C-alpha atoms as a PDB file:
ATOM      1  CA  MET A   1       0.032  -0.032   0.056  1.00  0.00           C
ATOM      2  CA  ASP A   2       1.092   3.401  -0.567  1.00  0.00           C
ATOM      3  CA  ALA A   3       0.313   6.790   0.833  1.00  0.00           C
ATOM      4  CA  ASP A   4       1.028  10.435  -0.074  1.00  0.00           C
ATOM      5  CA  ASP A   5       0.286  11.181   3.725  1.00  0.00           C
ATOM      6  CA  ASP A   6      -0.204   9.473   6.948  1.00  0.00           C
ATOM      7  CA  PRO A   7      -3.582  10.430   8.335  1.00  0.00           C
ATOM      8  CA  ARG A   8      -3.369   8.699  11.330  1.00  0.00           C
ATOM      9  CA  SER A   9      -0.116  10.199  13.249  1.00  0.00           C
ATOM     10  CA  ARG A  10       3.234  11.020  13.080  1.00  0.00           C
ATOM     11  CA  ARG A  11       5.378   7.790  13.428  1.00  0.00           C
ATOM     12  CA  CYS A  12       9.365   6.305  14.246  1.00  0.00           C
ATOM     13  CA  THR A  13      12.394   2.793  14.041  1.00  0.00           C
ATOM     14  CA  ARG A  14      16.334   1.300  14.375  1.00  0.00           C
ATOM     15  CA  ASP A  15      19.241   1.616  11.589  1.00  0.00           C
ATOM     16  CA  ARG A  16      22.814   1.884  10.854  1.00  0.00           C
ATOM     17  CA  GLY A  17      25.732   4.199  12.517  1.00  0.00           C
ATOM     18  CA  LEU A  18      26.296   7.722  11.830  1.00  0.00           C
ATOM     19  CA  LYS A  19      28.328  10.561  13.268  1.00  0.00           C
ATOM     20  CA  GLN A  20      28.367  12.081  16.888  1.00  0.00           C
ATOM     21  CA  GLY A  21      31.491  13.979  16.395  1.00  0.00           C
ATOM     22  CA  ALA A  22      33.012  11.032  14.804  1.00  0.00           C
ATOM     23  CA  ALA A  23      30.771   7.962  13.705  1.00  0.00           C
ATOM     24  CA  THR A  24      29.457   5.128  15.634  1.00  0.00           C
ATOM     25  CA  THR A  25      26.572   3.083  16.049  1.00  0.00           C
ATOM     26  CA  LEU A  26      24.163   3.910  18.936  1.00  0.00           C
ATOM     27  CA  VAL A  27      22.651   0.952  20.982  1.00  0.00           C
ATOM     28  CA  THR A  28      20.548   3.039  23.258  1.00  0.00           C
ATOM     29  CA  LEU A  29      19.317   6.526  22.752  1.00  0.00           C
ATOM     30  CA  VAL A  30      18.265   8.521  26.022  1.00  0.00           C
ATOM     31  CA  SER A  31      17.735  11.970  25.259  1.00  0.00           C
ATOM     32  CA  PRO A  32      18.522  14.085  21.988  1.00  0.00           C
ATOM     33  CA  MET A  33      22.048  14.165  20.907  1.00  0.00           C
ATOM     34  CA  ASP A  34      23.941  16.033  18.534  1.00  0.00           C
ATOM     35  CA  TYR A  35      25.088  14.753  15.066  1.00  0.00           C
ATOM     36  CA  THR A  36      26.796  16.490  12.202  1.00  0.00           C
ATOM     37  CA  LEU A  37      26.932  15.701   8.137  1.00  0.00           C
ATOM     38  CA  PRO A  38      29.033  17.320   5.484  1.00  0.00           C
ATOM     39  CA  PHE A  39      27.216  18.556   2.423  1.00  0.00           C
ATOM     40  CA  THR A  40      28.426  20.751  -0.733  1.00  0.00           C
ATOM     41  CA  LEU A  41      26.235  23.544  -2.410  1.00  0.00           C
ATOM     42  CA  ARG A  42      27.323  24.998  -5.620  1.00  0.00           C
ATOM     43  CA  GLY A  43      31.239  24.243  -4.710  1.00  0.00           C
ATOM     44  CA  GLY A  44      30.941  25.534  -0.911  1.00  0.00           C
ATOM     45  CA  ASP A  45      31.034  23.303   1.912  1.00  0.00           C
ATOM     46  CA  GLY A  46      28.325  23.308   4.697  1.00  0.00           C
ATOM     47  CA  THR A  47      27.344  21.236   7.551  1.00  0.00           C
ATOM     48  CA  ILE A  48      23.982  19.313   8.563  1.00  0.00           C
ATOM     49  CA  ARG A  49      23.526  19.565  12.222  1.00  0.00           C
ATOM     50  CA  VAL A  50      21.061  16.940  13.799  1.00  0.00           C
ATOM     51  CA  ARG A  51      19.447  16.698  17.046  1.00  0.00           C
ATOM     52  CA  TYR A  52      18.018  13.297  17.369  1.00  0.00           C
ATOM     53  CA  GLY A  53      16.851  10.842  20.260  1.00  0.00           C
ATOM     54  CA  VAL A  54      14.214   9.860  22.411  1.00  0.00           C
ATOM     55  CA  ASN A  55      11.071  12.156  23.120  1.00  0.00           C
ATOM     56  CA  ASP A  56      10.765  12.216  26.474  1.00  0.00           C
ATOM     57  CA  ASP A  57       8.988  15.401  26.777  1.00  0.00           C
ATOM     58  CA  PRO A  58       6.100  15.672  24.238  1.00  0.00           C
ATOM     59  CA  ARG A  59       5.016  19.031  25.642  1.00  0.00           C
ATOM     60  CA  ARG A  60       8.569  20.379  24.788  1.00  0.00           C
ATOM     61  CA  TRP A  61       8.031  19.397  21.215  1.00  0.00           C
ATOM     62  CA  GLY A  62       4.521  21.035  20.874  1.00  0.00           C
ATOM     63  CA  TYR A  63       2.508  17.658  20.631  1.00  0.00           C
ATOM     64  CA  GLU A  64      -0.515  19.358  22.006  1.00  0.00           C
ATOM     65  CA  VAL A  65      -0.520  22.200  19.902  1.00  0.00           C
ATOM     66  CA  LEU A  66      -1.612  19.694  17.087  1.00  0.00           C
ATOM     67  CA  ASP A  67      -4.673  18.727  19.008  1.00  0.00           C
ATOM     68  CA  LEU A  68      -4.521  14.897  17.982  1.00  0.00           C
ATOM     69  CA  ASP A  69      -7.616  13.305  19.298  1.00  0.00           C
ATOM     70  CA  TRP A  70      -5.928  10.388  20.166  1.00  0.00           C
ATOM     71  CA  TYR A  71      -2.968  12.287  21.968  1.00  0.00           C
ATOM     72  CA  ASN A  72      -1.737  11.234  25.315  1.00  0.00           C
ATOM     73  CA  GLU A  73       1.634  11.955  26.841  1.00  0.00           C
ATOM     74  CA  ASP A  74       2.511   8.256  27.644  1.00  0.00           C
ATOM     75  CA  VAL A  75       1.472   7.122  24.317  1.00  0.00           C
ATOM     76  CA  VAL A  76       4.070   9.380  22.553  1.00  0.00           C
ATOM     77  CA  ARG A  77       6.850   9.379  25.068  1.00  0.00           C
ATOM     78  CA  GLY A  78       9.766   6.882  23.885  1.00  0.00           C
ATOM     79  CA  PHE A  79       9.674   7.622  20.346  1.00  0.00           C
ATOM     80  CA  PRO A  80      12.076   9.334  18.203  1.00  0.00           C
ATOM     81  CA  VAL A  81      12.389  13.394  17.976  1.00  0.00           C
ATOM     82  CA  MET A  82      14.378  14.661  15.151  1.00  0.00           C
ATOM     83  CA  GLN A  83      15.616  18.427  14.340  1.00  0.00           C
ATOM     84  CA  ALA A  84      18.021  19.126  11.559  1.00  0.00           C
ATOM     85  CA  SER A  85      19.660  22.477  10.844  1.00  0.00           C
ATOM     86  CA  LEU A  86      21.946  23.824   8.554  1.00  0.00           C
ATOM     87  CA  GLU A  87      25.007  25.979   8.458  1.00  0.00           C
ATOM     88  CA  HIS A  88      26.488  27.286   5.090  1.00  0.00           C
ATOM     89  CA  SER A  89      28.060  30.803   3.808  1.00  0.00           C
ATOM     90  CA  ALA A  90      25.350  31.025   1.018  1.00  0.00           C
ATOM     91  CA  GLU A  91      22.729  33.539   1.843  1.00  0.00           C
ATOM     92  CA  GLY A  92      19.080  34.676   0.215  1.00  0.00           C
ATOM     93  CA  TYR A  93      18.366  32.871  -3.106  1.00  0.00           C
ATOM     94  CA  GLY A  94      21.858  31.197  -2.850  1.00  0.00           C
ATOM     95  CA  ALA A  95      20.863  29.567   0.400  1.00  0.00           C
ATOM     96  CA  GLN A  96      17.601  28.072  -0.714  1.00  0.00           C
ATOM     97  CA  MET A  97      17.238  24.174  -0.162  1.00  0.00           C
ATOM     98  CA  GLY A  98      14.556  21.854   0.679  1.00  0.00           C
ATOM     99  CA  TRP A  99      13.947  18.827   2.768  1.00  0.00           C
ATOM    100  CA  VAL A 100      12.350  15.680   1.189  1.00  0.00           C
ATOM    101  CA  GLN A 101      11.556  13.047   3.298  1.00  0.00           C
ATOM    102  CA  VAL A 102      10.440   9.366   2.494  1.00  0.00           C
ATOM    103  CA  VAL A 103       8.987   7.105   4.995  1.00  0.00           C
ATOM    104  CA  ARG A 104       8.266   3.600   5.048  1.00  0.00           C
ATOM    105  CA  TYR A 105       6.508   1.534   7.596  1.00  0.00           C
ATOM    106  CA  GLN A 106       4.973  -1.754   8.195  1.00  0.00           C
ATOM    107  CA  VAL A 107       2.075  -2.503  10.790  1.00  0.00           C
ATOM    108  CA  HIS A 108       2.164  -6.282  12.144  1.00  0.00           C
ATOM    109  CA  ASP A 109      -0.665  -6.210  14.640  1.00  0.00           C
ATOM    110  CA  PRO A 110      -3.213  -8.846  14.197  1.00  0.00           C
ATOM    111  CA  GLY A 111      -6.040  -7.922  11.789  1.00  0.00           C
ATOM    112  CA  GLU A 112      -4.337  -4.562  10.938  1.00  0.00           C
ATOM    113  CA  SER A 113      -1.352  -5.346   9.082  1.00  0.00           C
ATOM    114  CA  GLU A 114      -0.078  -2.865   6.322  1.00  0.00           C
ATOM    115  CA  ASN A 115       2.815  -1.855   4.397  1.00  0.00           C
ATOM    116  CA  VAL A 116       2.962   2.096   3.701  1.00  0.00           C
ATOM    117  CA  THR A 117       5.073   4.396   1.669  1.00  0.00           C
ATOM    118  CA  VAL A 118       4.748   8.018   2.863  1.00  0.00           C
ATOM    119  CA  PHE A 119       5.930  10.819   0.800  1.00  0.00           C
ATOM    120  CA  ASP A 120       6.042  13.192   3.918  1.00  0.00           C
ATOM    121  CA  VAL A 121       4.716  16.450   3.458  1.00  0.00           C
ATOM    122  CA  PRO A 122       2.782  18.844   5.782  1.00  0.00           C
ATOM    123  CA  PRO A 123      -0.725  17.610   6.142  1.00  0.00           C
ATOM    124  CA  GLN A 124      -2.187  20.696   4.967  1.00  0.00           C
ATOM    125  CA  LEU A 125      -0.292  20.320   1.691  1.00  0.00           C
ATOM    126  CA  SER A 126      -0.777  16.539   1.170  1.00  0.00           C
ATOM    127  CA  GLU A 127      -3.197  17.106  -1.721  1.00  0.00           C
ATOM    128  CA  THR A 128      -0.522  19.435  -3.793  1.00  0.00           C
ATOM    129  CA  GLN A 129       2.112  18.867  -6.119  1.00  0.00           C
ATOM    130  CA  ASN A 130       4.676  20.117  -3.129  1.00  0.00           C
ATOM    131  CA  PRO A 131       7.212  17.579  -2.727  1.00  0.00           C
ATOM    132  CA  TYR A 132       8.857  19.451   0.579  1.00  0.00           C
ATOM    133  CA  PHE A 133       8.831  18.332   4.035  1.00  0.00           C
ATOM    134  CA  ALA A 134      10.446  21.973   4.634  1.00  0.00           C
ATOM    135  CA  PHE A 135      11.937  24.227   2.312  1.00  0.00           C
ATOM    136  CA  GLY A 136      13.647  27.797   2.664  1.00  0.00           C
ATOM    137  CA  VAL A 137      16.673  29.686   3.290  1.00  0.00           C
ATOM    138  CA  LEU A 138      19.070  27.534   5.014  1.00  0.00           C
ATOM    139  CA  PRO A 139      15.630  25.429   6.261  1.00  0.00           C
ATOM    140  CA  THR A 140      15.464  23.661   9.797  1.00  0.00           C
ATOM    141  CA  VAL A 141      13.300  20.130   9.316  1.00  0.00           C
ATOM    142  CA  PHE A 142      11.575  18.833  12.570  1.00  0.00           C
ATOM    143  CA  ASP A 143       9.718  15.444  13.028  1.00  0.00           C
ATOM    144  CA  ALA A 144       8.480  13.458  16.250  1.00  0.00           C
ATOM    145  CA  PRO A 145       6.436  10.723  14.860  1.00  0.00           C
ATOM    146  CA  SER A 146       4.727   8.048  16.994  1.00  0.00           C
ATOM    147  CA  ILE A 147       1.950   5.551  16.636  1.00  0.00           C
ATOM    148  CA  THR A 148      -0.484   3.662  18.699  1.00  0.00           C
ATOM    149  CA  SER A 149       0.061   0.080  17.134  1.00  0.00           C
ATOM    150  CA  HIS A 150       1.827  -2.818  19.065  1.00  0.00           C
ATOM    151  CA  GLU A 151       4.014  -4.404  16.344  1.00  0.00           C
ATOM    152  CA  VAL A 152       5.591  -1.644  13.735  1.00  0.00           C
ATOM    153  CA  GLU A 153       8.872  -1.348  11.756  1.00  0.00           C
ATOM    154  CA  TRP A 154       9.186   2.554  10.952  1.00  0.00           C
ATOM    155  CA  GLY A 155      12.008   4.045   8.873  1.00  0.00           C
ATOM    156  CA  ALA A 156      12.754   7.681   7.541  1.00  0.00           C
ATOM    157  CA  ARG A 157      14.902   8.857   4.861  1.00  0.00           C
ATOM    158  CA  THR A 158      15.421  12.488   5.123  1.00  0.00           C
ATOM    159  CA  PHE A 159      17.298  14.166   2.191  1.00  0.00           C
ATOM    160  CA  LEU A 160      18.696  17.703   1.901  1.00  0.00           C
ATOM    161  CA  THR A 161      18.202  18.899  -1.552  1.00  0.00           C
ATOM    162  CA  TYR A 162      18.350  22.132  -3.726  1.00  0.00           C
ATOM    163  CA  THR A 163      17.279  23.241  -7.080  1.00  0.00           C
ATOM    164  CA  PRO A 164      20.026  24.869  -9.373  1.00  0.00           C
ATOM    165  CA  ASP A 165      18.125  28.023 -10.457  1.00  0.00           C
ATOM    166  CA  ALA A 166      17.190  28.502  -6.533  1.00  0.00           C
ATOM    167  CA  VAL A 167      13.357  29.017  -6.958  1.00  0.00           C
ATOM    168  CA  LEU A 168      12.494  29.093 -10.714  1.00  0.00           C
ATOM    169  CA  SER A 169      12.337  25.601 -11.923  1.00  0.00           C
ATOM    170  CA  ARG A 170      10.717  22.266 -10.483  1.00  0.00           C
ATOM    171  CA  VAL A 171      14.064  20.400 -10.502  1.00  0.00           C
ATOM    172  CA  ILE A 172      15.296  18.857  -7.260  1.00  0.00           C
ATOM    173  CA  ALA A 173      18.632  17.332  -6.923  1.00  0.00           C
ATOM    174  CA  PRO A 174      20.393  15.670  -3.472  1.00  0.00           C
ATOM    175  CA  LEU A 175      22.959  17.200  -1.428  1.00  0.00           C
ATOM    176  CA  GLY A 176      23.283  14.628   1.318  1.00  0.00           C
ATOM    177  CA  GLY A 177      21.104  13.207   4.372  1.00  0.00           C
ATOM    178  CA  PHE A 178      20.472  10.700   6.719  1.00  0.00           C
ATOM    179  CA  THR A 179      18.169   7.826   7.836  1.00  0.00           C
ATOM    180  CA  TRP A 180      16.671   7.138  11.196  1.00  0.00           C
ATOM    181  CA  GLY A 181      13.390   5.514  12.957  1.00  0.00           C
ATOM    182  CA  TYR A 182      11.745   3.306  15.340  1.00  0.00           C
ATOM    183  CA  ASP A 183      10.593  -0.251  15.750  1.00  0.00           C
ATOM    184  CA  VAL A 184       7.764  -1.239  18.233  1.00  0.00           C
ATOM    185  CA  MET A 185       7.846  -4.811  19.807  1.00  0.00           C
ATOM    186  CA  ALA A 186       4.813  -5.710  22.242  1.00  0.00           C
ATOM    187  CA  GLY A 187       4.310  -2.397  22.829  1.00  0.00           C
ATOM    188  CA  ASP A 188       7.850  -1.541  23.603  1.00  0.00           C
ATOM    189  CA  VAL A 189       9.604   1.360  21.329  1.00  0.00           C
ATOM    190  CA  SER A 190      13.105   0.670  20.252  1.00  0.00           C
ATOM    191  CA  VAL A 191      14.839   3.982  18.701  1.00  0.00           C
ATOM    192  CA  ARG A 192      16.873   3.115  15.575  1.00  0.00           C
ATOM    193  CA  PRO A 193      20.129   4.852  15.321  1.00  0.00           C
ATOM    194  CA  LEU A 194      20.655   7.722  13.126  1.00  0.00           C
ATOM    195  CA  ALA A 195      22.865   7.123   9.959  1.00  0.00           C
ATOM    196  CA  SER A 196      24.530   8.897   7.039  1.00  0.00           C
ATOM    197  CA  ALA A 197      22.114   8.001   3.950  1.00  0.00           C
ATOM    198  CA  GLU A 198      23.879   6.903   0.588  1.00  0.00           C
ATOM    199  CA  GLN A 199      22.970   7.791  -2.602  1.00  0.00           C
ATOM    200  CA  ALA A 200      21.443   4.219  -3.170  1.00  0.00           C
ATOM    201  CA  ASP A 201      19.040   5.251  -0.532  1.00  0.00           C
ATOM    202  CA  TRP A 202      18.241   8.163  -2.678  1.00  0.00           C
ATOM    203  CA  LEU A 203      18.024   6.117  -5.968  1.00  0.00           C
ATOM    204  CA  ASP A 204      15.521   3.896  -4.181  1.00  0.00           C
ATOM    205  CA  VAL A 205      13.020   6.542  -3.389  1.00  0.00           C
ATOM    206  CA  LEU A 206      13.477   8.101  -6.909  1.00  0.00           C
ATOM    207  CA  PRO A 207      10.528   5.973  -9.011  1.00  0.00           C
ATOM    208  CA  GLY A 208       8.108   6.765  -6.079  1.00  0.00           C
ATOM    209  CA  LEU A 209       9.029  10.569  -6.084  1.00  0.00           C
ATOM    210  CA  ARG A 210       8.768  10.863 -10.050  1.00  0.00           C
ATOM    211  CA  GLU A 211       5.367   8.997  -9.994  1.00  0.00           C
ATOM    212  CA  ARG A 212       3.937  11.072  -6.990  1.00  0.00           C
ATOM    213  CA  PHE A 213       5.205  14.340  -8.127  1.00  0.00           C
ATOM    214  CA  ARG A 214       4.838  14.385 -11.720  1.00  0.00           C
ATOM    215  CA  SER A 215       5.182  18.038 -12.230  1.00  0.00           C
ATOM    216  CA  TRP A 216       8.738  17.741 -10.929  1.00  0.00           C
ATOM    217  CA  THR A 217      12.245  16.534 -12.285  1.00  0.00           C
ATOM    218  CA  PHE A 218      14.281  14.435  -9.793  1.00  0.00           C
ATOM    219  CA  LEU A 219      17.730  14.405 -10.683  1.00  0.00           C
ATOM    220  CA  ASP A 220      19.721  11.271  -9.777  1.00  0.00           C
ATOM    221  CA  GLY A 221      22.239  13.674  -7.986  1.00  0.00           C
ATOM    222  CA  ASP A 222      26.300  13.437  -7.855  1.00  0.00           C
ATOM    223  CA  PRO A 223      28.048  10.550  -6.100  1.00  0.00           C
ATOM    224  CA  TRP A 224      27.563  10.921  -2.239  1.00  0.00           C
ATOM    225  CA  ARG A 225      30.581  12.286  -0.510  1.00  0.00           C
END
């Protein structure tokens, strides 16, 4: 099953290793920790700074503002929280970039099995041809998924992208990114380690992006750093 937007909740799982100053795999994540990833935009080096870990304070991260009918702090607590910001010397139009996020999850609860791909965009834009999870001048991206199911595998691939002519054409090229997520087993949540995305991750989601957002051109991208 494919879905352009997940109407039930914000969701999360476990993955490969990345970089916390230097790269290692995390076995247990408690409170959010900081990670860095390099990228190059038009020949200039930049840095992705990711704060990632367990959501132990849903109020801090604004869950109550969403006014979800199923919301309960105890249900949300323990899932991942992710926020990524950018550092680069470019300014104005030269610093326009976008985040593209693709989520794949499987629910294995008895009688509720599903296998879903989500091209993650803000829900109020889900019926449009907007492919961005976040967009702007040195844009920051935030996500704090959760789910009420008891047996789940949930993985996100979050890509930093840009358009060669900034904001004029519907062309998207990747600059880098990371993978993250969570697993739920018998109701217990396990947050996956953050990992640097590979070019193969981008190439894997390209067919779906091209099918979903047909008015856009998605480039294969240069070899990953």
